[in-house]
N, C-alpha and C. Protein backbone atom coordinates (compact mmCIF):
# COMPACT_ATOMS: atom_id res chain seq x y z
N GLY A 1 95.33 101.68 242.65
CA GLY A 1 96.44 102.61 242.50
C GLY A 1 97.80 101.96 242.53
N SER A 2 97.88 100.65 242.28
CA SER A 2 99.19 99.98 242.32
C SER A 2 100.03 100.37 241.12
N LEU A 3 101.35 100.44 241.35
CA LEU A 3 102.30 100.88 240.33
C LEU A 3 103.43 99.89 240.20
N SER A 4 103.97 99.79 238.99
CA SER A 4 105.26 99.14 238.77
C SER A 4 106.27 100.26 238.62
N VAL A 5 107.31 100.29 239.48
CA VAL A 5 108.20 101.45 239.52
C VAL A 5 109.66 101.04 239.36
N LEU A 6 110.46 102.00 238.91
CA LEU A 6 111.90 101.80 238.75
C LEU A 6 112.60 103.13 238.95
N ALA A 7 113.71 103.11 239.67
CA ALA A 7 114.55 104.29 239.82
C ALA A 7 115.96 103.92 239.40
N ALA A 8 116.62 104.81 238.69
CA ALA A 8 117.98 104.53 238.22
C ALA A 8 118.85 105.76 238.43
N GLY A 9 120.09 105.52 238.86
CA GLY A 9 121.03 106.61 239.07
C GLY A 9 122.45 106.10 238.93
N GLY A 10 123.40 106.93 239.26
CA GLY A 10 124.80 106.57 239.16
C GLY A 10 125.18 105.50 240.17
N SER A 11 126.31 104.85 239.92
CA SER A 11 126.78 103.79 240.80
C SER A 11 126.99 104.32 242.22
N GLY A 12 126.39 103.65 243.19
CA GLY A 12 126.54 104.04 244.59
C GLY A 12 125.75 105.27 244.99
N LYS A 13 124.89 105.76 244.11
CA LYS A 13 124.15 107.00 244.39
C LYS A 13 122.75 106.75 244.98
N ILE A 14 122.33 105.49 244.99
CA ILE A 14 121.02 105.15 245.53
C ILE A 14 121.22 104.23 246.73
N LEU A 15 120.65 104.60 247.87
CA LEU A 15 120.81 103.84 249.09
C LEU A 15 120.29 102.41 248.91
N HIS A 16 121.14 101.44 249.26
CA HIS A 16 120.72 100.03 249.24
C HIS A 16 120.03 99.75 250.57
N ALA A 17 118.76 100.05 250.61
CA ALA A 17 118.02 99.98 251.87
C ALA A 17 117.65 98.55 252.21
N PRO A 18 117.80 98.16 253.46
CA PRO A 18 117.38 96.82 253.87
C PRO A 18 115.86 96.71 253.88
N ASP A 19 115.37 95.49 253.82
CA ASP A 19 113.93 95.26 253.80
C ASP A 19 113.38 95.31 255.22
N VAL A 20 113.37 96.51 255.79
CA VAL A 20 112.82 96.75 257.12
C VAL A 20 111.90 97.96 257.03
N TYR A 21 111.24 98.28 258.13
CA TYR A 21 110.37 99.44 258.14
C TYR A 21 111.17 100.74 258.21
N MET A 22 110.54 101.80 257.71
CA MET A 22 111.12 103.14 257.78
C MET A 22 110.03 104.12 258.19
N ASN A 23 110.34 104.96 259.18
CA ASN A 23 109.46 106.06 259.52
C ASN A 23 109.72 107.19 258.53
N LYS A 24 108.65 107.73 257.91
CA LYS A 24 108.82 108.68 256.81
C LYS A 24 107.91 109.89 256.98
N ILE A 25 108.37 110.97 256.42
CA ILE A 25 107.55 112.17 256.26
C ILE A 25 107.92 112.79 254.93
N ALA A 26 106.92 113.09 254.11
CA ALA A 26 107.18 113.60 252.76
C ALA A 26 106.24 114.75 252.44
N VAL A 27 106.76 115.69 251.66
CA VAL A 27 105.99 116.87 251.26
C VAL A 27 106.38 117.28 249.84
N GLY A 28 105.60 118.18 249.28
CA GLY A 28 105.88 118.70 247.96
C GLY A 28 106.84 119.89 247.99
N PRO A 29 107.10 120.49 246.83
CA PRO A 29 108.11 121.56 246.72
C PRO A 29 107.90 122.76 247.64
N LYS A 30 106.66 123.21 247.79
CA LYS A 30 106.41 124.43 248.56
C LYS A 30 106.72 124.26 250.05
N ALA A 31 106.70 123.02 250.52
CA ALA A 31 106.96 122.77 251.95
C ALA A 31 108.24 121.96 252.15
N ALA A 32 109.09 121.94 251.15
CA ALA A 32 110.28 121.08 251.18
C ALA A 32 111.19 121.37 252.38
N ASP A 33 111.24 122.61 252.82
CA ASP A 33 112.12 122.98 253.93
C ASP A 33 111.40 123.04 255.27
N ALA A 34 110.15 122.59 255.30
CA ALA A 34 109.33 122.78 256.51
C ALA A 34 109.26 121.55 257.40
N ILE A 35 109.88 120.44 257.00
CA ILE A 35 109.72 119.20 257.77
C ILE A 35 110.99 118.84 258.53
N ASN A 36 110.79 118.19 259.65
CA ASN A 36 111.89 117.68 260.47
C ASN A 36 111.35 116.47 261.22
N ILE A 37 111.85 115.28 260.89
CA ILE A 37 111.30 114.05 261.44
C ILE A 37 111.53 113.93 262.95
N GLN A 38 112.44 114.73 263.48
CA GLN A 38 112.72 114.70 264.92
C GLN A 38 111.78 115.62 265.71
N ARG A 39 111.00 116.41 265.01
CA ARG A 39 110.02 117.27 265.67
C ARG A 39 108.70 116.54 265.83
N SER A 40 107.82 117.10 266.62
CA SER A 40 106.52 116.49 266.88
C SER A 40 105.63 116.59 265.65
N ILE A 41 104.57 115.80 265.67
CA ILE A 41 103.59 115.87 264.59
C ILE A 41 102.99 117.27 264.52
N GLU A 42 102.70 117.85 265.67
CA GLU A 42 102.12 119.20 265.69
C GLU A 42 103.06 120.23 265.05
N GLU A 43 104.33 120.18 265.41
CA GLU A 43 105.28 121.13 264.84
C GLU A 43 105.38 120.98 263.33
N ASN A 44 105.46 119.75 262.86
CA ASN A 44 105.55 119.52 261.43
C ASN A 44 104.30 120.00 260.70
N CYS A 45 103.15 119.70 261.26
CA CYS A 45 101.90 120.12 260.63
C CYS A 45 101.78 121.64 260.57
N ARG A 46 102.13 122.30 261.67
CA ARG A 46 102.04 123.76 261.69
C ARG A 46 103.03 124.39 260.70
N ASN A 47 104.24 123.83 260.64
CA ASN A 47 105.24 124.38 259.73
C ASN A 47 104.86 124.15 258.27
N VAL A 48 104.32 122.98 257.97
CA VAL A 48 103.88 122.70 256.60
C VAL A 48 102.69 123.58 256.24
N ALA A 49 101.75 123.72 257.15
CA ALA A 49 100.59 124.59 256.90
C ALA A 49 101.03 126.03 256.64
N ASP A 50 101.99 126.51 257.43
CA ASP A 50 102.50 127.87 257.23
C ASP A 50 103.17 128.00 255.86
N ALA A 51 103.95 126.99 255.47
CA ALA A 51 104.65 127.03 254.18
C ALA A 51 103.67 127.04 253.02
N LEU A 52 102.52 126.41 253.23
CA LEU A 52 101.50 126.34 252.17
C LEU A 52 100.44 127.43 252.30
N SER A 53 100.63 128.31 253.30
CA SER A 53 99.66 129.38 253.56
C SER A 53 98.25 128.82 253.78
N LYS A 54 98.19 127.77 254.60
CA LYS A 54 96.92 127.11 254.90
C LYS A 54 96.65 127.14 256.40
N ASN A 55 95.38 127.00 256.74
CA ASN A 55 95.03 126.74 258.13
C ASN A 55 95.23 125.26 258.42
N LEU A 56 95.50 124.95 259.69
CA LEU A 56 95.67 123.54 260.06
C LEU A 56 94.45 122.70 259.66
N GLU A 57 93.26 123.30 259.76
CA GLU A 57 92.03 122.57 259.46
C GLU A 57 91.94 122.20 257.97
N ASP A 58 92.72 122.88 257.14
CA ASP A 58 92.70 122.61 255.71
C ASP A 58 93.83 121.69 255.26
N LEU A 59 94.71 121.32 256.19
CA LEU A 59 95.84 120.47 255.86
C LEU A 59 95.36 119.03 255.67
N ARG A 60 95.78 118.41 254.57
CA ARG A 60 95.38 117.04 254.26
C ARG A 60 96.62 116.14 254.30
N VAL A 61 96.59 115.16 255.19
CA VAL A 61 97.74 114.27 255.41
C VAL A 61 97.35 112.85 255.03
N ILE A 62 98.15 112.22 254.20
CA ILE A 62 97.86 110.86 253.75
C ILE A 62 98.65 109.88 254.62
N VAL A 63 97.95 108.83 255.07
CA VAL A 63 98.52 107.87 256.02
C VAL A 63 98.07 106.46 255.64
N LEU A 64 99.00 105.50 255.70
CA LEU A 64 98.62 104.10 255.50
C LEU A 64 97.66 103.67 256.61
N ASP A 65 96.60 102.98 256.23
CA ASP A 65 95.60 102.53 257.19
C ASP A 65 96.11 101.27 257.88
N ARG A 66 96.86 101.49 258.96
CA ARG A 66 97.45 100.39 259.72
C ARG A 66 97.27 100.67 261.22
N PRO A 67 97.12 99.62 262.04
CA PRO A 67 96.99 99.83 263.50
C PRO A 67 98.18 100.60 264.09
N ARG A 68 99.37 100.44 263.51
CA ARG A 68 100.55 101.12 264.06
C ARG A 68 100.47 102.64 263.94
N HIS A 69 99.52 103.13 263.16
CA HIS A 69 99.41 104.57 262.97
C HIS A 69 98.29 105.21 263.80
N GLU A 70 97.76 104.47 264.75
CA GLU A 70 96.65 105.00 265.54
C GLU A 70 97.03 106.30 266.26
N LYS A 71 98.25 106.34 266.81
CA LYS A 71 98.67 107.55 267.53
C LYS A 71 98.82 108.73 266.58
N ILE A 72 99.41 108.49 265.41
CA ILE A 72 99.56 109.56 264.43
C ILE A 72 98.19 110.10 264.03
N VAL A 73 97.27 109.21 263.74
CA VAL A 73 95.93 109.62 263.30
C VAL A 73 95.23 110.41 264.41
N ARG A 74 95.36 109.94 265.64
CA ARG A 74 94.72 110.64 266.76
C ARG A 74 95.29 112.05 266.92
N ASN A 75 96.62 112.18 266.81
CA ASN A 75 97.25 113.49 266.93
C ASN A 75 96.83 114.42 265.80
N LEU A 76 96.77 113.88 264.59
CA LEU A 76 96.36 114.69 263.44
C LEU A 76 94.93 115.20 263.62
N ARG A 77 94.06 114.34 264.07
CA ARG A 77 92.66 114.73 264.25
C ARG A 77 92.50 115.71 265.40
N ASP A 78 93.30 115.55 266.44
CA ASP A 78 93.26 116.52 267.55
C ASP A 78 93.67 117.91 267.07
N LEU A 79 94.57 117.95 266.09
CA LEU A 79 95.00 119.24 265.53
C LEU A 79 93.98 119.82 264.56
N GLY A 80 93.06 118.98 264.12
CA GLY A 80 92.07 119.44 263.15
C GLY A 80 92.43 119.15 261.72
N ALA A 81 93.60 118.53 261.50
CA ALA A 81 94.01 118.20 260.13
C ALA A 81 93.14 117.08 259.59
N ARG A 82 93.03 117.02 258.28
CA ARG A 82 92.22 115.98 257.64
C ARG A 82 93.11 114.80 257.29
N VAL A 83 92.67 113.61 257.66
CA VAL A 83 93.44 112.38 257.43
C VAL A 83 92.86 111.66 256.22
N ILE A 84 93.73 111.34 255.26
CA ILE A 84 93.34 110.58 254.08
C ILE A 84 93.99 109.21 254.20
N PHE A 85 93.17 108.16 254.28
CA PHE A 85 93.70 106.81 254.44
C PHE A 85 93.94 106.15 253.08
N ILE A 86 95.03 105.38 253.01
CA ILE A 86 95.25 104.49 251.88
C ILE A 86 95.53 103.09 252.42
N ARG A 87 95.17 102.08 251.67
CA ARG A 87 95.39 100.71 252.13
C ARG A 87 96.81 100.24 251.79
N ASP A 88 97.33 100.71 250.67
CA ASP A 88 98.67 100.32 250.22
C ASP A 88 99.22 101.45 249.37
N GLY A 89 100.53 101.35 249.02
CA GLY A 89 101.09 102.24 248.00
C GLY A 89 101.58 103.57 248.51
N ASP A 90 102.57 103.55 249.45
CA ASP A 90 103.03 104.84 249.94
C ASP A 90 104.03 105.52 249.00
N VAL A 91 104.46 104.85 247.92
CA VAL A 91 105.27 105.54 246.90
C VAL A 91 104.38 106.54 246.17
N SER A 92 103.23 106.07 245.69
CA SER A 92 102.31 106.99 245.01
C SER A 92 101.77 108.04 245.97
N ALA A 93 101.64 107.68 247.25
CA ALA A 93 101.19 108.66 248.25
C ALA A 93 102.19 109.78 248.39
N ALA A 94 103.47 109.44 248.43
CA ALA A 94 104.51 110.47 248.52
C ALA A 94 104.50 111.36 247.28
N LEU A 95 104.33 110.75 246.11
CA LEU A 95 104.28 111.54 244.87
C LEU A 95 103.12 112.51 244.88
N SER A 96 102.00 112.09 245.46
CA SER A 96 100.80 112.92 245.41
C SER A 96 101.00 114.26 246.10
N THR A 97 101.96 114.35 247.01
CA THR A 97 102.20 115.63 247.69
C THR A 97 102.74 116.69 246.74
N CYS A 98 103.25 116.25 245.60
CA CYS A 98 103.87 117.18 244.64
C CYS A 98 102.91 117.66 243.56
N PHE A 99 101.72 117.10 243.50
CA PHE A 99 100.75 117.48 242.48
C PHE A 99 99.60 118.22 243.13
N GLU A 100 99.46 119.49 242.81
CA GLU A 100 98.47 120.33 243.48
C GLU A 100 97.06 119.79 243.32
N GLY A 101 96.76 119.19 242.20
CA GLY A 101 95.42 118.66 241.98
C GLY A 101 95.07 117.47 242.83
N SER A 102 96.07 116.86 243.49
CA SER A 102 95.80 115.68 244.31
C SER A 102 95.11 116.04 245.62
N GLY A 103 95.31 117.26 246.08
CA GLY A 103 94.73 117.67 247.36
C GLY A 103 95.47 117.13 248.57
N ILE A 104 96.65 116.53 248.37
CA ILE A 104 97.43 115.97 249.46
C ILE A 104 98.60 116.91 249.78
N ASP A 105 98.76 117.23 251.06
CA ASP A 105 99.81 118.16 251.47
C ASP A 105 101.03 117.47 252.09
N MET A 106 100.82 116.32 252.71
CA MET A 106 101.91 115.66 253.43
C MET A 106 101.62 114.17 253.57
N MET A 107 102.68 113.38 253.52
CA MET A 107 102.57 111.96 253.83
C MET A 107 103.32 111.69 255.12
N MET A 108 102.78 110.82 255.96
CA MET A 108 103.37 110.57 257.25
C MET A 108 103.15 109.12 257.64
N GLY A 109 104.14 108.50 258.30
CA GLY A 109 103.92 107.17 258.83
C GLY A 109 105.04 106.20 258.52
N ILE A 110 104.79 104.93 258.83
CA ILE A 110 105.79 103.87 258.75
C ILE A 110 105.44 102.93 257.60
N GLY A 111 106.44 102.71 256.73
CA GLY A 111 106.27 101.78 255.62
C GLY A 111 107.60 101.15 255.29
N GLY A 112 107.68 100.47 254.17
CA GLY A 112 108.91 99.80 253.78
C GLY A 112 110.02 100.77 253.44
N SER A 113 111.25 100.44 253.82
CA SER A 113 112.36 101.34 253.52
C SER A 113 112.74 101.33 252.03
N PRO A 114 112.68 100.20 251.29
CA PRO A 114 112.95 100.29 249.85
C PRO A 114 111.96 101.23 249.15
N GLU A 115 110.69 101.19 249.61
CA GLU A 115 109.70 102.12 249.04
C GLU A 115 110.04 103.57 249.38
N GLY A 116 110.64 103.78 250.55
CA GLY A 116 111.06 105.13 250.90
C GLY A 116 112.13 105.65 249.97
N VAL A 117 113.05 104.77 249.58
CA VAL A 117 114.11 105.18 248.64
C VAL A 117 113.53 105.46 247.25
N LEU A 118 112.60 104.62 246.82
CA LEU A 118 111.94 104.87 245.53
C LEU A 118 111.19 106.21 245.56
N ALA A 119 110.52 106.47 246.67
CA ALA A 119 109.81 107.75 246.81
C ALA A 119 110.79 108.91 246.78
N ALA A 120 111.95 108.74 247.40
CA ALA A 120 112.97 109.81 247.40
C ALA A 120 113.42 110.12 245.98
N ALA A 121 113.59 109.08 245.15
CA ALA A 121 113.98 109.30 243.77
C ALA A 121 112.94 110.12 243.02
N ALA A 122 111.68 109.78 243.23
CA ALA A 122 110.61 110.51 242.56
C ALA A 122 110.52 111.95 243.06
N LEU A 123 110.60 112.13 244.37
CA LEU A 123 110.50 113.47 244.94
C LEU A 123 111.68 114.35 244.52
N LYS A 124 112.83 113.76 244.31
CA LYS A 124 113.98 114.52 243.83
C LYS A 124 113.70 115.08 242.44
N CYS A 125 112.98 114.30 241.64
CA CYS A 125 112.63 114.74 240.29
C CYS A 125 111.53 115.80 240.29
N LEU A 126 110.77 115.87 241.37
CA LEU A 126 109.62 116.78 241.44
C LEU A 126 109.87 117.98 242.33
N GLY A 127 111.03 118.02 242.99
CA GLY A 127 111.34 119.15 243.86
C GLY A 127 110.78 119.03 245.25
N GLY A 128 110.24 117.87 245.60
CA GLY A 128 109.71 117.67 246.94
C GLY A 128 110.78 117.23 247.91
N ASN A 129 110.36 116.72 249.06
CA ASN A 129 111.33 116.31 250.07
C ASN A 129 110.77 115.14 250.88
N ILE A 130 111.68 114.30 251.38
CA ILE A 130 111.32 113.19 252.24
C ILE A 130 112.44 112.98 253.25
N LEU A 131 112.07 112.63 254.45
CA LEU A 131 113.02 112.27 255.50
C LEU A 131 112.62 110.90 256.02
N GLY A 132 113.61 110.09 256.41
CA GLY A 132 113.29 108.75 256.87
C GLY A 132 114.26 108.25 257.93
N GLN A 133 113.78 107.32 258.73
CA GLN A 133 114.61 106.68 259.76
C GLN A 133 114.26 105.20 259.80
N LEU A 134 115.28 104.36 259.65
CA LEU A 134 115.06 102.92 259.67
C LEU A 134 114.60 102.47 261.05
N LEU A 135 113.71 101.50 261.06
CA LEU A 135 113.18 100.95 262.32
C LEU A 135 113.47 99.46 262.36
N PHE A 136 114.08 99.02 263.44
CA PHE A 136 114.48 97.62 263.57
C PHE A 136 113.73 96.96 264.72
N ASN A 137 113.16 95.80 264.45
CA ASN A 137 112.43 95.06 265.47
C ASN A 137 113.24 93.91 266.06
N ARG A 138 114.23 93.44 265.32
CA ARG A 138 115.01 92.29 265.77
C ARG A 138 116.48 92.50 265.43
N ASP A 139 117.35 91.81 266.17
CA ASP A 139 118.79 91.90 265.90
C ASP A 139 119.12 91.38 264.51
N GLU A 140 118.34 90.40 264.03
CA GLU A 140 118.59 89.85 262.70
C GLU A 140 118.44 90.92 261.63
N GLU A 141 117.50 91.85 261.85
CA GLU A 141 117.31 92.94 260.88
C GLU A 141 118.52 93.87 260.86
N LYS A 142 119.08 94.14 262.03
CA LYS A 142 120.27 94.97 262.10
C LYS A 142 121.46 94.28 261.42
N GLU A 143 121.57 92.98 261.61
CA GLU A 143 122.66 92.23 260.98
C GLU A 143 122.52 92.27 259.47
N ARG A 144 121.31 92.14 258.97
CA ARG A 144 121.07 92.20 257.53
C ARG A 144 121.40 93.59 256.99
N ALA A 145 121.01 94.61 257.74
CA ALA A 145 121.31 95.98 257.33
C ALA A 145 122.82 96.24 257.32
N PHE A 146 123.50 95.71 258.32
CA PHE A 146 124.96 95.89 258.40
C PHE A 146 125.65 95.29 257.19
N ARG A 147 125.16 94.14 256.74
CA ARG A 147 125.74 93.51 255.55
C ARG A 147 125.52 94.34 254.30
N LEU A 148 124.53 95.22 254.33
CA LEU A 148 124.26 96.11 253.19
C LEU A 148 125.00 97.45 253.33
N GLY A 149 125.79 97.58 254.38
CA GLY A 149 126.58 98.80 254.56
C GLY A 149 125.99 99.80 255.52
N ILE A 150 124.89 99.45 256.20
CA ILE A 150 124.26 100.35 257.17
C ILE A 150 124.98 100.19 258.51
N THR A 151 125.60 101.25 258.99
CA THR A 151 126.34 101.18 260.26
C THR A 151 125.77 102.09 261.33
N GLU A 152 124.97 103.10 260.94
CA GLU A 152 124.35 104.02 261.89
C GLU A 152 122.87 103.70 261.97
N PHE A 153 122.48 102.90 262.94
CA PHE A 153 121.12 102.37 262.99
C PHE A 153 120.08 103.42 263.36
N ASN A 154 120.49 104.52 263.99
CA ASN A 154 119.55 105.57 264.38
C ASN A 154 119.60 106.78 263.46
N ARG A 155 120.27 106.66 262.36
CA ARG A 155 120.49 107.79 261.46
C ARG A 155 119.18 108.31 260.87
N ILE A 156 119.08 109.63 260.75
CA ILE A 156 118.00 110.26 260.02
C ILE A 156 118.47 110.45 258.58
N TYR A 157 117.77 109.86 257.64
CA TYR A 157 118.17 109.94 256.23
C TYR A 157 117.44 111.09 255.54
N SER A 158 118.22 111.98 254.95
CA SER A 158 117.64 113.03 254.12
C SER A 158 117.40 112.47 252.72
N LEU A 159 116.73 113.24 251.90
CA LEU A 159 116.52 112.82 250.51
C LEU A 159 117.86 112.57 249.83
N GLU A 160 118.83 113.47 250.04
CA GLU A 160 120.13 113.32 249.40
C GLU A 160 120.91 112.12 249.94
N ASP A 161 120.64 111.72 251.19
CA ASP A 161 121.25 110.52 251.72
C ASP A 161 120.73 109.28 251.00
N MET A 162 119.47 109.32 250.61
CA MET A 162 118.86 108.17 249.95
C MET A 162 119.12 108.15 248.46
N VAL A 163 119.12 109.33 247.85
CA VAL A 163 119.33 109.42 246.40
C VAL A 163 120.16 110.67 246.13
N SER A 164 121.33 110.51 245.56
CA SER A 164 122.18 111.65 245.24
C SER A 164 122.53 111.64 243.75
N GLY A 165 122.95 112.80 243.25
CA GLY A 165 123.25 112.89 241.82
C GLY A 165 121.98 112.88 240.99
N ASN A 166 122.15 112.74 239.69
CA ASN A 166 121.01 112.71 238.80
C ASN A 166 120.33 111.35 238.85
N VAL A 167 119.01 111.37 238.80
CA VAL A 167 118.24 110.13 238.88
C VAL A 167 117.08 110.19 237.90
N VAL A 168 116.68 109.03 237.46
CA VAL A 168 115.49 108.89 236.61
C VAL A 168 114.50 108.00 237.35
N PHE A 169 113.25 108.39 237.37
CA PHE A 169 112.20 107.60 238.00
C PHE A 169 111.10 107.37 236.98
N CYS A 170 110.63 106.14 236.92
CA CYS A 170 109.48 105.88 236.04
C CYS A 170 108.51 104.93 236.73
N ALA A 171 107.26 105.07 236.39
CA ALA A 171 106.21 104.23 236.97
C ALA A 171 105.16 103.96 235.91
N THR A 172 104.59 102.77 235.96
CA THR A 172 103.50 102.38 235.08
C THR A 172 102.33 101.92 235.94
N GLY A 173 101.16 102.39 235.63
CA GLY A 173 99.98 102.01 236.39
C GLY A 173 99.60 100.55 236.14
N VAL A 174 99.39 99.82 237.20
CA VAL A 174 98.90 98.44 237.09
C VAL A 174 97.38 98.43 237.26
N THR A 175 96.92 99.06 238.33
CA THR A 175 95.50 99.32 238.50
C THR A 175 95.31 100.83 238.63
N SER A 176 94.19 101.33 238.22
CA SER A 176 93.98 102.77 238.13
C SER A 176 93.99 103.45 239.50
N GLY A 177 94.60 104.62 239.55
CA GLY A 177 94.64 105.42 240.76
C GLY A 177 94.64 106.89 240.40
N ASP A 178 94.93 107.73 241.39
CA ASP A 178 94.93 109.17 241.15
C ASP A 178 96.07 109.61 240.25
N LEU A 179 97.20 108.89 240.29
CA LEU A 179 98.37 109.29 239.52
C LEU A 179 98.33 108.80 238.08
N LEU A 180 97.99 107.52 237.87
CA LEU A 180 98.01 106.92 236.55
C LEU A 180 96.84 105.96 236.37
N ASN A 181 96.42 105.82 235.13
CA ASN A 181 95.44 104.79 234.82
C ASN A 181 96.13 103.43 234.83
N GLY A 182 95.37 102.40 235.14
CA GLY A 182 95.91 101.05 235.10
C GLY A 182 95.92 100.50 233.69
N ILE A 183 96.33 99.23 233.59
CA ILE A 183 96.38 98.57 232.28
C ILE A 183 94.96 98.43 231.75
N GLN A 184 94.78 98.86 230.51
CA GLN A 184 93.47 98.80 229.88
C GLN A 184 93.49 97.74 228.78
N MET A 185 92.48 96.92 228.76
CA MET A 185 92.38 95.86 227.75
C MET A 185 91.25 96.18 226.79
N GLU A 186 91.60 96.31 225.53
CA GLU A 186 90.60 96.53 224.50
C GLU A 186 90.58 95.33 223.56
N GLU A 187 89.83 95.43 222.51
CA GLU A 187 89.63 94.25 221.65
C GLU A 187 90.93 93.70 221.09
N SER A 188 91.84 94.58 220.68
CA SER A 188 93.05 94.09 220.01
C SER A 188 94.34 94.52 220.69
N VAL A 189 94.24 95.38 221.72
CA VAL A 189 95.47 95.90 222.34
C VAL A 189 95.36 95.96 223.86
N PHE A 190 96.54 95.93 224.49
CA PHE A 190 96.68 96.33 225.88
C PHE A 190 97.25 97.74 225.89
N ARG A 191 96.70 98.62 226.71
CA ARG A 191 97.19 100.00 226.77
C ARG A 191 97.73 100.28 228.18
N THR A 192 98.96 100.82 228.25
CA THR A 192 99.56 101.17 229.54
C THR A 192 99.79 102.67 229.62
N HIS A 193 99.80 103.17 230.84
CA HIS A 193 100.02 104.60 231.09
C HIS A 193 101.19 104.73 232.06
N SER A 194 102.19 105.49 231.66
CA SER A 194 103.42 105.61 232.44
C SER A 194 103.81 107.07 232.65
N ILE A 195 104.63 107.28 233.67
CA ILE A 195 105.22 108.60 233.93
C ILE A 195 106.73 108.41 234.04
N VAL A 196 107.47 109.31 233.40
CA VAL A 196 108.94 109.28 233.44
C VAL A 196 109.42 110.65 233.91
N MET A 197 110.29 110.65 234.93
CA MET A 197 110.77 111.91 235.50
C MET A 197 112.29 111.91 235.57
N ARG A 198 112.87 113.09 235.39
CA ARG A 198 114.33 113.24 235.47
C ARG A 198 114.67 114.37 236.43
N SER A 199 115.58 114.10 237.36
CA SER A 199 115.97 115.13 238.32
C SER A 199 116.85 116.19 237.69
N GLU A 200 117.53 115.85 236.61
CA GLU A 200 118.47 116.78 235.98
C GLU A 200 117.80 118.08 235.57
N ASN A 201 116.59 117.96 235.03
CA ASN A 201 115.88 119.17 234.59
C ASN A 201 114.45 119.23 235.14
N LEU A 202 114.16 118.36 236.14
CA LEU A 202 112.83 118.31 236.77
C LEU A 202 111.72 118.12 235.73
N SER A 203 112.02 117.34 234.69
CA SER A 203 111.03 117.11 233.65
C SER A 203 110.13 115.94 234.01
N VAL A 204 108.88 116.03 233.55
CA VAL A 204 107.89 114.98 233.77
C VAL A 204 107.22 114.68 232.44
N SER A 205 107.27 113.43 232.01
CA SER A 205 106.65 113.02 230.76
C SER A 205 105.64 111.92 231.02
N TYR A 206 104.50 112.01 230.34
CA TYR A 206 103.49 110.97 230.42
C TYR A 206 103.49 110.20 229.10
N ILE A 207 103.45 108.89 229.20
CA ILE A 207 103.56 108.05 228.01
C ILE A 207 102.42 107.04 227.99
N THR A 208 101.71 106.99 226.87
CA THR A 208 100.69 105.97 226.64
C THR A 208 101.23 105.01 225.58
N THR A 209 101.22 103.72 225.90
CA THR A 209 101.78 102.72 224.99
C THR A 209 100.74 101.64 224.72
N GLU A 210 100.65 101.22 223.46
CA GLU A 210 99.73 100.15 223.09
C GLU A 210 100.53 98.92 222.66
N TYR A 211 100.11 97.78 223.16
CA TYR A 211 100.73 96.51 222.81
C TYR A 211 99.67 95.61 222.17
N PRO A 212 99.92 95.11 220.96
CA PRO A 212 98.92 94.21 220.33
C PRO A 212 98.78 92.92 221.13
N LYS A 213 97.56 92.45 221.26
CA LYS A 213 97.34 91.21 222.00
C LYS A 213 97.92 90.00 221.29
N GLU A 214 97.91 90.06 219.98
CA GLU A 214 98.47 88.97 219.19
C GLU A 214 99.50 89.52 218.23
N ARG A 215 100.60 88.80 218.09
CA ARG A 215 101.66 89.23 217.17
C ARG A 215 101.74 88.24 216.01
């Protein structure tokens, strides 16, 4: 499910996020107003389930399979929610919350902050929502963030804080996943599958492109 992704917007409209971890929570359009990263996992799950008219036992939460998420996973299972593990790719995981056929209701956990900004761009185009908070392990990380213009180290970033104005998001599948097929090699061509989204009109386009192996 690996993707090559790009987000583009107006000058100064996309957060220049430092290469540190970010605590994130993301949902699709129907639950966009139901999340609050400062609330407990239980509160968020109950509010999202209510917004989706679901029982907690039917809520499906996607989480990166990492030791740092043991507490999150334990809390989710205690609530009866279903945990869907992924090994990598929390950008595509965040996107999956916006597609009803994916069966994913919420993404939760800690991942890279640049990926959080990319996810915010995509969710803005799809009507979803994401909240994030930068996590710093060393003073050097704070110094690097400060050089990028980050001055509030405990700030909760809304989607609009990360991406404002009109934005375009596109992704091409490298290896096949739930969102896109990966690069396909046939006798004479390479075939790629891409998605292009625009926040201006919430449009989503799928593009299949063929490249000849020899020119």
